[in-house]
């Protein structure tokens, strides 16, 4: 009798556990339907083909004052690496915290190309995105370095809404494009930049 009761309790526990475990977020797919992976680089290909991909460009008086911009003519721009919160995670998934590193030939030595949110620009009312972020180390000091990717229409969008710090107060907004000084700067916006990913292919 005790064995039967124990078996029933184990079955109930297994059903309760399985019904309350949250499913993993969907993996992100590239334009060929392949799952995005860590240790792989991708081009950001806007759904609106009027403009090109994204890259780093000088945005101030200093050579290495770099911001993330959408190219006007370059179809591909620079490639990006997506770095999830869990470095052992091999698949890139929607709605999960990650760092974004962009590859560029800006010639600024060892300067980090991880995205980070700039401080508020009172002249434009915008939060722009620049390089110089820190990879990993989630805490209040690195809260500006974490982004997410969400499914949107026929593509994806970048979102700033980090959840790596439960005690931090953050704003949650899409990442779009704002024209500043002739550059299409990436910034927090009500209108997202919608895109797909294309795997960077290397030829020997």
N, C-alpha and C. Protein backbone atom coordinates (compact mmCIF):
# COMPACT_ATOMS: atom_id res chain seq x y z
N UNK A 1 0.83 -1.20 0.00
CA UNK A 1 0.00 0.00 0.00
C UNK A 1 0.86 1.25 0.00
N UNK A 2 1.90 1.23 0.82
CA UNK A 2 2.81 2.38 0.89
C UNK A 2 3.52 2.61 -0.44
N UNK A 3 3.85 1.51 -1.13
CA UNK A 3 4.52 1.63 -2.42
C UNK A 3 3.59 2.25 -3.46
N UNK A 4 2.34 1.85 -3.43
CA UNK A 4 1.35 2.40 -4.38
C UNK A 4 1.15 3.88 -4.12
N UNK A 5 1.05 4.27 -2.86
CA UNK A 5 0.87 5.69 -2.50
C UNK A 5 2.07 6.52 -2.93
N UNK A 6 3.27 5.97 -2.70
CA UNK A 6 4.48 6.66 -3.09
C UNK A 6 4.55 6.85 -4.60
N UNK A 7 4.14 5.82 -5.35
CA UNK A 7 4.14 5.89 -6.80
C UNK A 7 3.18 6.97 -7.30
N UNK A 8 2.00 7.04 -6.66
CA UNK A 8 1.01 8.05 -7.03
C UNK A 8 1.54 9.46 -6.75
N UNK A 9 2.19 9.63 -5.61
CA UNK A 9 2.75 10.94 -5.26
C UNK A 9 3.83 11.36 -6.25
N UNK A 10 4.67 10.42 -6.67
CA UNK A 10 5.72 10.72 -7.64
C UNK A 10 5.12 11.12 -8.98
N UNK A 11 4.03 10.45 -9.38
CA UNK A 11 3.38 10.78 -10.65
C UNK A 11 2.78 12.18 -10.60
N UNK A 12 2.12 12.50 -9.46
CA UNK A 12 1.53 13.83 -9.31
C UNK A 12 2.61 14.90 -9.33
N UNK A 13 3.74 14.65 -8.67
CA UNK A 13 4.85 15.60 -8.64
C UNK A 13 5.42 15.82 -10.04
N UNK A 14 5.55 14.72 -10.80
CA UNK A 14 6.10 14.83 -12.16
C UNK A 14 5.18 15.65 -13.06
N UNK A 15 3.86 15.43 -12.93
CA UNK A 15 2.90 16.18 -13.74
C UNK A 15 2.92 17.65 -13.35
N UNK A 16 2.98 17.94 -12.06
CA UNK A 16 2.99 19.32 -11.57
C UNK A 16 4.25 20.05 -12.04
N UNK A 17 5.38 19.35 -11.98
CA UNK A 17 6.65 19.96 -12.38
C UNK A 17 6.66 20.28 -13.87
N UNK A 18 6.20 19.32 -14.69
CA UNK A 18 6.22 19.52 -16.13
C UNK A 18 5.26 20.61 -16.57
N UNK A 19 4.12 20.73 -15.87
CA UNK A 19 3.13 21.73 -16.26
C UNK A 19 3.52 23.13 -15.83
N UNK A 20 4.44 23.24 -14.85
CA UNK A 20 4.83 24.54 -14.34
C UNK A 20 6.20 25.00 -14.84
N UNK A 21 6.87 24.17 -15.62
CA UNK A 21 8.17 24.56 -16.14
C UNK A 21 7.95 25.37 -17.41
N UNK A 22 8.54 26.55 -17.46
CA UNK A 22 8.34 27.45 -18.60
C UNK A 22 9.10 26.92 -19.81
N UNK A 23 8.48 26.93 -20.97
CA UNK A 23 9.18 26.49 -22.18
C UNK A 23 10.27 27.48 -22.56
N UNK A 24 11.29 26.98 -23.24
CA UNK A 24 12.37 27.86 -23.68
C UNK A 24 11.86 28.80 -24.77
N UNK A 25 12.35 30.04 -24.79
CA UNK A 25 11.97 30.95 -25.89
C UNK A 25 12.38 30.38 -27.24
N UNK A 26 11.68 30.81 -28.28
CA UNK A 26 11.96 30.31 -29.62
C UNK A 26 13.37 30.72 -30.07
N UNK A 27 14.03 29.85 -30.82
CA UNK A 27 15.33 30.24 -31.39
C UNK A 27 15.12 31.25 -32.51
N UNK A 28 16.13 32.09 -32.73
CA UNK A 28 16.09 33.05 -33.82
C UNK A 28 16.64 32.38 -35.08
N UNK A 29 16.02 32.66 -36.21
CA UNK A 29 16.40 32.05 -37.48
C UNK A 29 16.99 33.09 -38.43
N UNK A 30 17.93 32.65 -39.26
CA UNK A 30 18.47 33.57 -40.27
C UNK A 30 17.60 33.51 -41.52
N UNK A 31 18.00 34.23 -42.57
CA UNK A 31 17.16 34.31 -43.77
C UNK A 31 17.03 32.97 -44.49
N UNK A 32 17.88 32.00 -44.14
CA UNK A 32 17.79 30.66 -44.74
C UNK A 32 17.10 29.67 -43.82
N UNK A 33 16.53 30.17 -42.72
CA UNK A 33 15.80 29.29 -41.81
C UNK A 33 16.69 28.52 -40.86
N UNK A 34 17.97 28.89 -40.77
CA UNK A 34 18.91 28.22 -39.87
C UNK A 34 18.94 28.92 -38.52
N UNK A 35 19.08 28.15 -37.46
CA UNK A 35 19.11 28.69 -36.10
C UNK A 35 20.39 29.49 -35.88
N UNK A 36 20.26 30.68 -35.28
CA UNK A 36 21.43 31.50 -34.97
C UNK A 36 22.22 30.86 -33.82
N UNK A 37 23.53 30.87 -33.95
CA UNK A 37 24.42 30.23 -32.99
C UNK A 37 25.42 31.23 -32.43
N UNK A 38 25.91 30.91 -31.23
CA UNK A 38 27.02 31.68 -30.69
C UNK A 38 28.28 31.31 -31.48
N UNK A 39 29.33 32.10 -31.31
CA UNK A 39 30.60 31.88 -32.02
C UNK A 39 30.41 31.92 -33.54
N UNK A 40 29.39 32.64 -33.97
CA UNK A 40 29.11 32.82 -35.39
C UNK A 40 28.77 34.29 -35.60
N UNK A 41 29.13 34.83 -36.74
CA UNK A 41 28.84 36.25 -37.01
C UNK A 41 27.78 36.37 -38.10
N UNK A 42 26.99 37.45 -37.98
CA UNK A 42 25.86 37.65 -38.89
C UNK A 42 25.79 39.11 -39.33
N UNK A 43 25.25 39.29 -40.52
CA UNK A 43 24.93 40.63 -41.00
C UNK A 43 23.48 40.94 -40.65
N UNK A 44 23.22 42.18 -40.29
CA UNK A 44 21.87 42.66 -40.04
C UNK A 44 21.34 43.22 -41.35
N UNK A 45 20.32 42.57 -41.91
CA UNK A 45 19.79 42.96 -43.21
C UNK A 45 18.40 43.56 -43.02
N UNK A 46 18.27 44.89 -43.14
CA UNK A 46 16.97 45.52 -42.92
C UNK A 46 15.90 45.02 -43.90
N UNK A 47 14.68 44.89 -43.41
CA UNK A 47 13.56 44.48 -44.27
C UNK A 47 13.30 45.55 -45.32
N UNK A 48 13.43 46.83 -44.92
CA UNK A 48 13.34 47.93 -45.87
C UNK A 48 14.70 48.09 -46.55
N UNK A 49 14.78 47.73 -47.81
CA UNK A 49 16.07 47.69 -48.51
C UNK A 49 16.52 49.06 -49.00
N UNK A 50 15.85 50.10 -48.59
CA UNK A 50 16.24 51.45 -49.01
C UNK A 50 17.61 51.80 -48.47
N UNK A 51 17.93 51.30 -47.25
CA UNK A 51 19.23 51.57 -46.64
C UNK A 51 19.93 50.25 -46.35
N UNK A 52 21.19 50.35 -45.91
CA UNK A 52 22.00 49.16 -45.74
C UNK A 52 22.04 48.62 -44.33
N UNK A 53 23.12 47.89 -44.05
CA UNK A 53 23.31 47.25 -42.75
C UNK A 53 23.79 48.24 -41.71
N UNK A 54 24.33 47.74 -40.62
CA UNK A 54 24.78 48.60 -39.52
C UNK A 54 26.30 48.50 -39.36
N UNK A 55 26.88 49.56 -38.81
CA UNK A 55 28.32 49.58 -38.58
C UNK A 55 28.65 50.62 -37.53
N UNK A 56 29.93 50.82 -37.29
CA UNK A 56 30.40 51.86 -36.37
C UNK A 56 30.97 53.02 -37.18
N UNK A 57 30.63 54.22 -36.77
CA UNK A 57 31.19 55.41 -37.41
C UNK A 57 31.51 56.45 -36.34
N UNK A 58 32.47 57.31 -36.66
CA UNK A 58 32.80 58.42 -35.77
C UNK A 58 31.61 59.36 -35.67
N UNK A 59 31.22 59.69 -34.44
CA UNK A 59 30.03 60.52 -34.24
C UNK A 59 30.34 61.83 -33.53
N UNK A 60 31.59 62.04 -33.18
CA UNK A 60 31.97 63.28 -32.48
C UNK A 60 33.25 63.85 -33.03
N UNK A 61 33.86 64.72 -32.26
CA UNK A 61 35.10 65.35 -32.69
C UNK A 61 36.31 64.43 -32.57
N UNK A 62 36.20 63.42 -31.70
CA UNK A 62 37.31 62.49 -31.51
C UNK A 62 37.19 61.32 -32.49
N UNK A 63 38.32 60.86 -33.00
CA UNK A 63 38.34 59.77 -33.99
C UNK A 63 37.67 58.51 -33.46
N UNK A 64 37.90 58.19 -32.20
CA UNK A 64 37.37 56.95 -31.64
C UNK A 64 36.12 57.16 -30.79
N UNK A 65 35.40 58.24 -31.04
CA UNK A 65 34.09 58.42 -30.44
C UNK A 65 33.10 57.82 -31.43
N UNK A 66 32.76 56.55 -31.22
CA UNK A 66 32.04 55.78 -32.24
C UNK A 66 30.61 55.47 -31.83
N UNK A 67 29.72 55.56 -32.80
CA UNK A 67 28.32 55.22 -32.57
C UNK A 67 27.88 54.15 -33.55
N UNK A 68 26.80 53.46 -33.22
CA UNK A 68 26.24 52.43 -34.10
C UNK A 68 25.29 53.13 -35.07
N UNK A 69 25.52 52.93 -36.35
CA UNK A 69 24.73 53.63 -37.37
C UNK A 69 24.22 52.64 -38.41
N UNK A 70 23.19 53.04 -39.11
CA UNK A 70 22.74 52.29 -40.28
C UNK A 70 23.40 52.90 -41.51
N UNK A 71 24.04 52.06 -42.30
CA UNK A 71 24.72 52.54 -43.50
C UNK A 71 23.70 53.01 -44.54
N UNK A 72 24.09 53.99 -45.30
CA UNK A 72 23.22 54.48 -46.36
C UNK A 72 23.41 53.68 -47.65
N UNK A 73 24.66 53.30 -47.94
CA UNK A 73 24.94 52.62 -49.20
C UNK A 73 25.43 51.17 -49.02
N UNK A 74 26.16 50.89 -47.98
CA UNK A 74 26.73 49.55 -47.78
C UNK A 74 25.62 48.57 -47.40
N UNK A 75 25.37 47.61 -48.26
CA UNK A 75 24.26 46.67 -48.06
C UNK A 75 24.43 45.89 -46.76
N UNK A 76 25.63 45.38 -46.51
CA UNK A 76 25.86 44.51 -45.36
C UNK A 76 26.31 45.27 -44.12
N UNK A 77 27.16 46.28 -44.26
CA UNK A 77 27.71 46.94 -43.09
C UNK A 77 28.67 46.00 -42.38
N UNK A 78 28.77 46.13 -41.07
CA UNK A 78 29.63 45.25 -40.28
C UNK A 78 28.84 44.06 -39.76
N UNK A 79 29.52 42.96 -39.51
CA UNK A 79 28.85 41.79 -38.95
C UNK A 79 28.79 41.91 -37.44
N UNK A 80 27.85 41.18 -36.84
CA UNK A 80 27.68 41.22 -35.39
C UNK A 80 27.81 39.82 -34.81
N UNK A 81 28.26 39.77 -33.57
CA UNK A 81 28.27 38.54 -32.78
C UNK A 81 27.30 38.74 -31.63
N UNK A 82 26.50 37.76 -31.35
CA UNK A 82 25.48 37.82 -30.30
C UNK A 82 25.94 36.97 -29.12
N UNK A 83 26.05 37.61 -27.96
CA UNK A 83 26.69 36.98 -26.80
C UNK A 83 25.68 36.84 -25.68
N UNK A 84 25.08 35.64 -25.50
CA UNK A 84 24.02 35.47 -24.49
C UNK A 84 24.52 35.58 -23.07
N UNK A 85 23.57 35.80 -22.17
CA UNK A 85 23.88 35.92 -20.75
C UNK A 85 24.63 34.69 -20.25
N UNK A 86 24.16 33.52 -20.65
CA UNK A 86 24.84 32.27 -20.31
C UNK A 86 25.84 31.96 -21.42
N UNK A 87 27.13 32.11 -21.16
CA UNK A 87 28.13 31.91 -22.22
C UNK A 87 28.16 30.48 -22.76
N UNK A 88 27.57 29.53 -22.02
CA UNK A 88 27.54 28.14 -22.48
C UNK A 88 26.37 27.87 -23.42
N UNK A 89 25.46 28.83 -23.52
CA UNK A 89 24.31 28.68 -24.40
C UNK A 89 24.77 28.75 -25.85
N UNK A 90 24.41 27.74 -26.62
CA UNK A 90 24.86 27.70 -28.01
C UNK A 90 23.87 28.28 -29.00
N UNK A 91 22.62 28.47 -28.57
CA UNK A 91 21.56 28.95 -29.46
C UNK A 91 21.13 30.35 -29.03
N UNK A 92 20.91 31.23 -30.00
CA UNK A 92 20.42 32.58 -29.72
C UNK A 92 18.89 32.55 -29.77
N UNK A 93 18.25 33.01 -28.70
CA UNK A 93 16.79 32.93 -28.59
C UNK A 93 16.17 34.31 -28.41
N UNK A 94 14.91 34.43 -28.81
CA UNK A 94 14.19 35.69 -28.63
C UNK A 94 13.99 35.97 -27.15
N UNK A 95 13.80 37.23 -26.84
CA UNK A 95 13.40 37.68 -25.49
C UNK A 95 14.41 37.34 -24.40
N UNK A 96 15.67 37.12 -24.77
CA UNK A 96 16.70 36.80 -23.78
C UNK A 96 17.78 37.88 -23.78
N UNK A 97 18.36 38.13 -22.62
CA UNK A 97 19.40 39.16 -22.49
C UNK A 97 20.68 38.72 -23.20
N UNK A 98 21.26 39.66 -23.93
CA UNK A 98 22.53 39.37 -24.60
C UNK A 98 23.30 40.65 -24.86
N UNK A 99 24.60 40.49 -25.05
CA UNK A 99 25.46 41.58 -25.53
C UNK A 99 25.56 41.47 -27.04
N UNK A 100 25.76 42.59 -27.69
CA UNK A 100 25.92 42.62 -29.14
C UNK A 100 27.27 43.27 -29.44
N UNK A 101 28.12 42.55 -30.14
CA UNK A 101 29.42 43.09 -30.55
C UNK A 101 29.42 43.25 -32.05
N UNK A 102 29.88 44.39 -32.53
CA UNK A 102 29.88 44.66 -33.96
C UNK A 102 31.33 44.74 -34.46
N UNK A 103 31.60 44.09 -35.57
CA UNK A 103 32.96 44.06 -36.10
C UNK A 103 33.15 45.21 -37.07
N UNK A 104 34.23 45.94 -36.86
CA UNK A 104 34.47 47.14 -37.65
C UNK A 104 35.96 47.39 -37.79
N UNK A 105 36.34 48.01 -38.89
CA UNK A 105 37.75 48.37 -39.11
C UNK A 105 37.95 49.83 -38.74
N UNK A 106 37.54 50.20 -37.53
CA UNK A 106 37.61 51.60 -37.12
C UNK A 106 39.01 52.04 -36.70
N UNK A 107 39.91 51.08 -36.47
CA UNK A 107 41.29 51.42 -36.13
C UNK A 107 41.45 52.05 -34.77
N UNK A 108 40.66 51.60 -33.80
CA UNK A 108 40.75 52.17 -32.45
C UNK A 108 41.36 51.18 -31.46
N UNK A 109 42.26 50.37 -31.94
CA UNK A 109 43.00 49.46 -31.07
C UNK A 109 42.10 48.46 -30.37
N UNK A 110 42.27 48.36 -29.05
CA UNK A 110 41.54 47.37 -28.26
C UNK A 110 40.20 47.89 -27.74
N UNK A 111 39.74 49.00 -28.26
CA UNK A 111 38.46 49.56 -27.80
C UNK A 111 37.33 48.57 -28.04
N UNK A 112 36.52 48.32 -27.02
CA UNK A 112 35.43 47.36 -27.11
C UNK A 112 34.40 47.80 -28.15
N UNK A 113 33.89 46.84 -28.91
CA UNK A 113 32.83 47.12 -29.88
C UNK A 113 31.48 46.56 -29.40
N UNK A 114 31.40 46.24 -28.11
CA UNK A 114 30.11 45.80 -27.54
C UNK A 114 29.19 47.01 -27.42
N UNK A 115 27.94 46.84 -27.81
CA UNK A 115 26.98 47.94 -27.74
C UNK A 115 26.71 48.37 -26.31
N UNK A 116 26.51 49.65 -26.15
CA UNK A 116 25.99 50.16 -24.88
C UNK A 116 25.12 51.39 -25.14
N UNK A 117 24.21 51.64 -24.23
CA UNK A 117 23.32 52.78 -24.35
C UNK A 117 24.02 54.02 -23.82
N UNK A 118 24.00 55.09 -24.62
CA UNK A 118 24.57 56.35 -24.16
C UNK A 118 23.66 56.99 -23.11
N UNK A 119 24.19 57.98 -22.43
CA UNK A 119 23.35 58.76 -21.52
C UNK A 119 22.37 59.59 -22.36
N UNK A 120 21.36 60.08 -21.71
CA UNK A 120 20.29 60.81 -22.38
C UNK A 120 20.82 62.06 -23.08
N UNK A 121 20.43 62.22 -24.33
CA UNK A 121 20.82 63.39 -25.11
C UNK A 121 19.67 64.39 -25.05
N UNK A 122 19.83 65.44 -24.26
CA UNK A 122 18.75 66.39 -24.03
C UNK A 122 18.40 67.20 -25.29
N UNK A 123 19.35 67.35 -26.20
CA UNK A 123 19.09 68.12 -27.41
C UNK A 123 18.12 67.41 -28.35
N UNK A 124 18.21 66.10 -28.40
CA UNK A 124 17.35 65.33 -29.31
C UNK A 124 16.27 64.56 -28.57
N UNK A 125 16.44 64.41 -27.25
CA UNK A 125 15.49 63.60 -26.48
C UNK A 125 15.66 62.12 -26.73
N UNK A 126 16.88 61.72 -27.11
CA UNK A 126 17.13 60.34 -27.48
C UNK A 126 18.23 59.70 -26.63
N UNK A 127 18.16 58.37 -26.56
CA UNK A 127 19.25 57.55 -26.04
C UNK A 127 19.88 56.86 -27.24
N UNK A 128 21.10 57.25 -27.59
CA UNK A 128 21.78 56.64 -28.72
C UNK A 128 22.58 55.42 -28.27
N UNK A 129 23.02 54.63 -29.26
CA UNK A 129 23.80 53.43 -28.98
C UNK A 129 25.20 53.62 -29.53
N UNK A 130 26.19 53.26 -28.72
CA UNK A 130 27.59 53.42 -29.12
C UNK A 130 28.37 52.16 -28.77
N UNK A 131 29.66 52.18 -29.02
CA UNK A 131 30.53 51.06 -28.66
C UNK A 131 31.05 51.26 -27.24
N UNK A 132 31.99 50.42 -26.82
CA UNK A 132 32.63 50.59 -25.52
C UNK A 132 31.97 49.86 -24.38
N UNK A 133 31.00 48.99 -24.67
CA UNK A 133 30.33 48.24 -23.61
C UNK A 133 31.18 47.12 -23.06
N UNK A 134 30.70 46.52 -21.99
CA UNK A 134 31.40 45.42 -21.32
C UNK A 134 30.67 44.11 -21.62
N UNK A 135 31.43 43.10 -21.99
CA UNK A 135 30.82 41.80 -22.24
C UNK A 135 30.63 41.05 -20.93
N UNK A 136 29.41 40.53 -20.71
CA UNK A 136 29.12 39.75 -19.51
C UNK A 136 29.04 40.61 -18.26
N UNK A 137 29.33 39.98 -17.11
CA UNK A 137 29.32 40.66 -15.81
C UNK A 137 28.02 41.43 -15.54
N UNK A 138 26.87 40.74 -15.57
CA UNK A 138 25.60 41.45 -15.37
C UNK A 138 25.47 42.01 -13.96
N UNK A 139 25.33 43.31 -13.84
CA UNK A 139 25.09 43.98 -12.57
C UNK A 139 24.64 45.40 -12.89
N UNK A 140 24.30 46.21 -11.90
CA UNK A 140 23.82 47.57 -12.19
C UNK A 140 24.80 48.41 -13.02
N UNK A 141 26.10 48.14 -12.89
CA UNK A 141 27.09 48.94 -13.61
C UNK A 141 27.11 48.62 -15.11
N UNK A 142 26.64 47.45 -15.49
CA UNK A 142 26.66 47.06 -16.91
C UNK A 142 25.26 46.99 -17.50
N UNK A 143 24.28 47.56 -16.82
CA UNK A 143 22.90 47.44 -17.26
C UNK A 143 22.67 48.04 -18.64
N UNK A 144 23.50 49.01 -19.04
CA UNK A 144 23.34 49.65 -20.35
C UNK A 144 23.89 48.80 -21.50
N UNK A 145 24.49 47.66 -21.18
CA UNK A 145 25.12 46.84 -22.20
C UNK A 145 24.26 45.66 -22.67
N UNK A 146 23.04 45.54 -22.13
CA UNK A 146 22.23 44.36 -22.40
C UNK A 146 21.03 44.69 -23.28
N UNK A 147 20.86 43.90 -24.33
CA UNK A 147 19.76 44.08 -25.26
C UNK A 147 19.04 42.75 -25.47
N UNK A 148 17.92 42.82 -26.17
CA UNK A 148 17.17 41.61 -26.53
C UNK A 148 16.78 41.70 -27.99
N UNK A 149 16.40 40.56 -28.55
CA UNK A 149 15.88 40.49 -29.92
C UNK A 149 14.49 39.89 -29.86
N UNK A 150 13.55 40.54 -30.52
CA UNK A 150 12.16 40.07 -30.53
C UNK A 150 11.71 39.85 -31.97
N UNK A 151 10.81 38.89 -32.15
CA UNK A 151 10.19 38.68 -33.46
C UNK A 151 9.27 39.85 -33.75
N UNK A 152 9.29 40.35 -35.01
CA UNK A 152 8.45 41.49 -35.36
C UNK A 152 8.08 41.39 -36.83
N UNK A 153 6.81 41.14 -37.11
CA UNK A 153 6.37 41.03 -38.50
C UNK A 153 7.12 39.95 -39.24
N UNK A 154 7.70 40.33 -40.39
CA UNK A 154 8.46 39.37 -41.20
C UNK A 154 9.95 39.38 -40.85
N UNK A 155 10.28 39.92 -39.71
CA UNK A 155 11.68 39.95 -39.30
C UNK A 155 11.83 40.03 -37.80
N UNK A 156 12.86 40.74 -37.37
CA UNK A 156 13.17 40.88 -35.94
C UNK A 156 13.45 42.34 -35.63
N UNK A 157 13.50 42.65 -34.35
CA UNK A 157 13.87 44.00 -33.91
C UNK A 157 14.74 43.88 -32.67
N UNK A 158 15.62 44.86 -32.47
CA UNK A 158 16.38 44.96 -31.24
C UNK A 158 15.55 45.73 -30.22
N UNK A 159 15.66 45.31 -28.97
CA UNK A 159 14.92 45.94 -27.88
C UNK A 159 15.88 46.19 -26.72
N UNK A 160 15.74 47.36 -26.10
CA UNK A 160 16.46 47.59 -24.85
C UNK A 160 15.44 47.44 -23.72
N UNK A 161 15.57 46.37 -22.97
CA UNK A 161 14.69 46.11 -21.82
C UNK A 161 15.34 45.03 -20.97
N UNK A 162 16.53 45.32 -20.44
CA UNK A 162 17.30 44.29 -19.73
C UNK A 162 16.62 43.79 -18.47
N UNK A 163 16.76 42.50 -18.25
CA UNK A 163 16.21 41.88 -17.03
C UNK A 163 17.30 41.21 -16.21
N UNK A 164 18.56 41.57 -16.48
CA UNK A 164 19.67 40.95 -15.76
C UNK A 164 19.80 41.48 -14.33
N UNK A 165 19.16 42.60 -14.05
CA UNK A 165 19.22 43.21 -12.72
C UNK A 165 17.80 43.47 -12.24
N UNK A 166 17.33 42.64 -11.32
CA UNK A 166 15.94 42.72 -10.87
C UNK A 166 15.66 44.00 -10.07
N UNK A 167 16.69 44.59 -9.49
CA UNK A 167 16.50 45.79 -8.67
C UNK A 167 16.68 47.09 -9.47
N UNK A 168 17.12 46.97 -10.70
CA UNK A 168 17.39 48.16 -11.51
C UNK A 168 16.12 48.66 -12.19
N UNK A 169 15.96 49.97 -12.22
CA UNK A 169 14.86 50.58 -12.96
C UNK A 169 15.36 50.89 -14.37
N UNK A 170 14.71 50.29 -15.35
CA UNK A 170 15.14 50.48 -16.73
C UNK A 170 13.96 50.93 -17.58
N UNK A 171 14.28 51.59 -18.69
CA UNK A 171 13.25 51.90 -19.67
C UNK A 171 13.21 50.76 -20.68
N UNK A 172 12.06 50.50 -21.24
CA UNK A 172 11.91 49.44 -22.23
C UNK A 172 11.42 50.05 -23.54
N UNK A 173 12.28 50.01 -24.54
CA UNK A 173 11.93 50.58 -25.83
C UNK A 173 12.61 49.81 -26.96
N UNK A 174 12.01 49.95 -28.15
CA UNK A 174 12.62 49.37 -29.34
C UNK A 174 13.85 50.19 -29.75
N UNK A 175 14.67 49.57 -30.57
CA UNK A 175 15.82 50.26 -31.15
C UNK A 175 15.46 50.61 -32.59
N UNK A 176 15.49 51.90 -32.89
CA UNK A 176 15.18 52.37 -34.23
C UNK A 176 16.29 53.25 -34.76
N UNK A 177 15.96 54.09 -35.71
CA UNK A 177 16.95 54.96 -36.37
C UNK A 177 16.54 56.42 -36.20
N UNK A 178 17.52 57.25 -35.88
CA UNK A 178 17.28 58.69 -35.75
C UNK A 178 18.36 59.43 -36.53
N UNK A 179 17.93 60.34 -37.39
CA UNK A 179 18.88 61.09 -38.21
C UNK A 179 19.52 62.20 -37.39
N UNK A 180 20.84 62.16 -37.26
CA UNK A 180 21.57 63.18 -36.51
C UNK A 180 22.87 63.49 -37.23
N UNK A 181 23.05 64.77 -37.56
CA UNK A 181 24.27 65.23 -38.23
C UNK A 181 24.58 64.41 -39.49
N UNK A 182 23.54 64.09 -40.23
CA UNK A 182 23.72 63.36 -41.48
C UNK A 182 23.93 61.87 -41.33
N UNK A 183 23.86 61.37 -40.11
CA UNK A 183 24.06 59.94 -39.86
C UNK A 183 22.76 59.31 -39.37
N UNK A 184 22.54 58.07 -39.78
CA UNK A 184 21.37 57.32 -39.34
C UNK A 184 21.75 56.56 -38.06
N UNK A 185 21.69 57.24 -36.93
CA UNK A 185 22.12 56.69 -35.65
C UNK A 185 21.09 55.73 -35.09
N UNK A 186 21.55 54.62 -34.52
CA UNK A 186 20.66 53.73 -33.80
C UNK A 186 20.38 54.31 -32.43
N UNK A 187 19.11 54.34 -32.06
CA UNK A 187 18.69 54.95 -30.80
C UNK A 187 17.39 54.31 -30.36
N UNK A 188 17.04 54.51 -29.09
CA UNK A 188 15.76 54.02 -28.61
C UNK A 188 14.66 54.80 -29.30
N UNK A 189 13.60 54.09 -29.70
CA UNK A 189 12.60 54.70 -30.55
C UNK A 189 11.26 53.99 -30.40
N UNK A 190 10.20 54.67 -30.81
CA UNK A 190 8.87 54.05 -30.88
C UNK A 190 8.68 53.29 -32.19
N UNK A 191 9.58 53.52 -33.14
CA UNK A 191 9.50 52.86 -34.45
C UNK A 191 10.76 52.00 -34.61
N UNK A 192 10.63 50.67 -34.56
CA UNK A 192 11.82 49.82 -34.58
C UNK A 192 12.44 49.68 -35.97
N UNK A 193 13.73 49.42 -35.98
CA UNK A 193 14.41 48.98 -37.19
C UNK A 193 14.13 47.48 -37.33
N UNK A 194 13.48 47.11 -38.41
CA UNK A 194 13.08 45.71 -38.62
C UNK A 194 14.06 45.07 -39.60
N UNK A 195 14.53 43.88 -39.28
CA UNK A 195 15.61 43.27 -40.06
C UNK A 195 15.56 41.76 -39.97
N UNK A 196 16.41 41.13 -40.75
CA UNK A 196 16.68 39.70 -40.64
C UNK A 196 18.19 39.51 -40.53
N UNK A 197 18.58 38.31 -40.20
CA UNK A 197 20.00 38.00 -40.07
C UNK A 197 20.48 37.16 -41.26
N UNK A 198 21.69 37.46 -41.70
CA UNK A 198 22.34 36.68 -42.76
C UNK A 198 23.70 36.25 -42.25
N UNK A 199 23.95 34.96 -42.27
CA UNK A 199 25.22 34.43 -41.78
C UNK A 199 26.38 34.94 -42.62
N UNK A 200 27.44 35.36 -41.94
CA UNK A 200 28.64 35.80 -42.65
C UNK A 200 29.39 34.57 -43.16
N UNK A 201 29.65 34.55 -44.44
CA UNK A 201 30.37 33.42 -45.04
C UNK A 201 31.82 33.81 -45.28
N UNK A 202 32.71 32.93 -44.94
CA UNK A 202 34.13 33.18 -45.13
C UNK A 202 34.66 32.31 -46.27
N UNK A 203 35.45 32.89 -47.14
CA UNK A 203 36.03 32.15 -48.23
C UNK A 203 37.53 32.01 -48.03
N UNK A 204 38.05 30.87 -48.35
CA UNK A 204 39.48 30.62 -48.15
C UNK A 204 40.28 31.07 -49.36
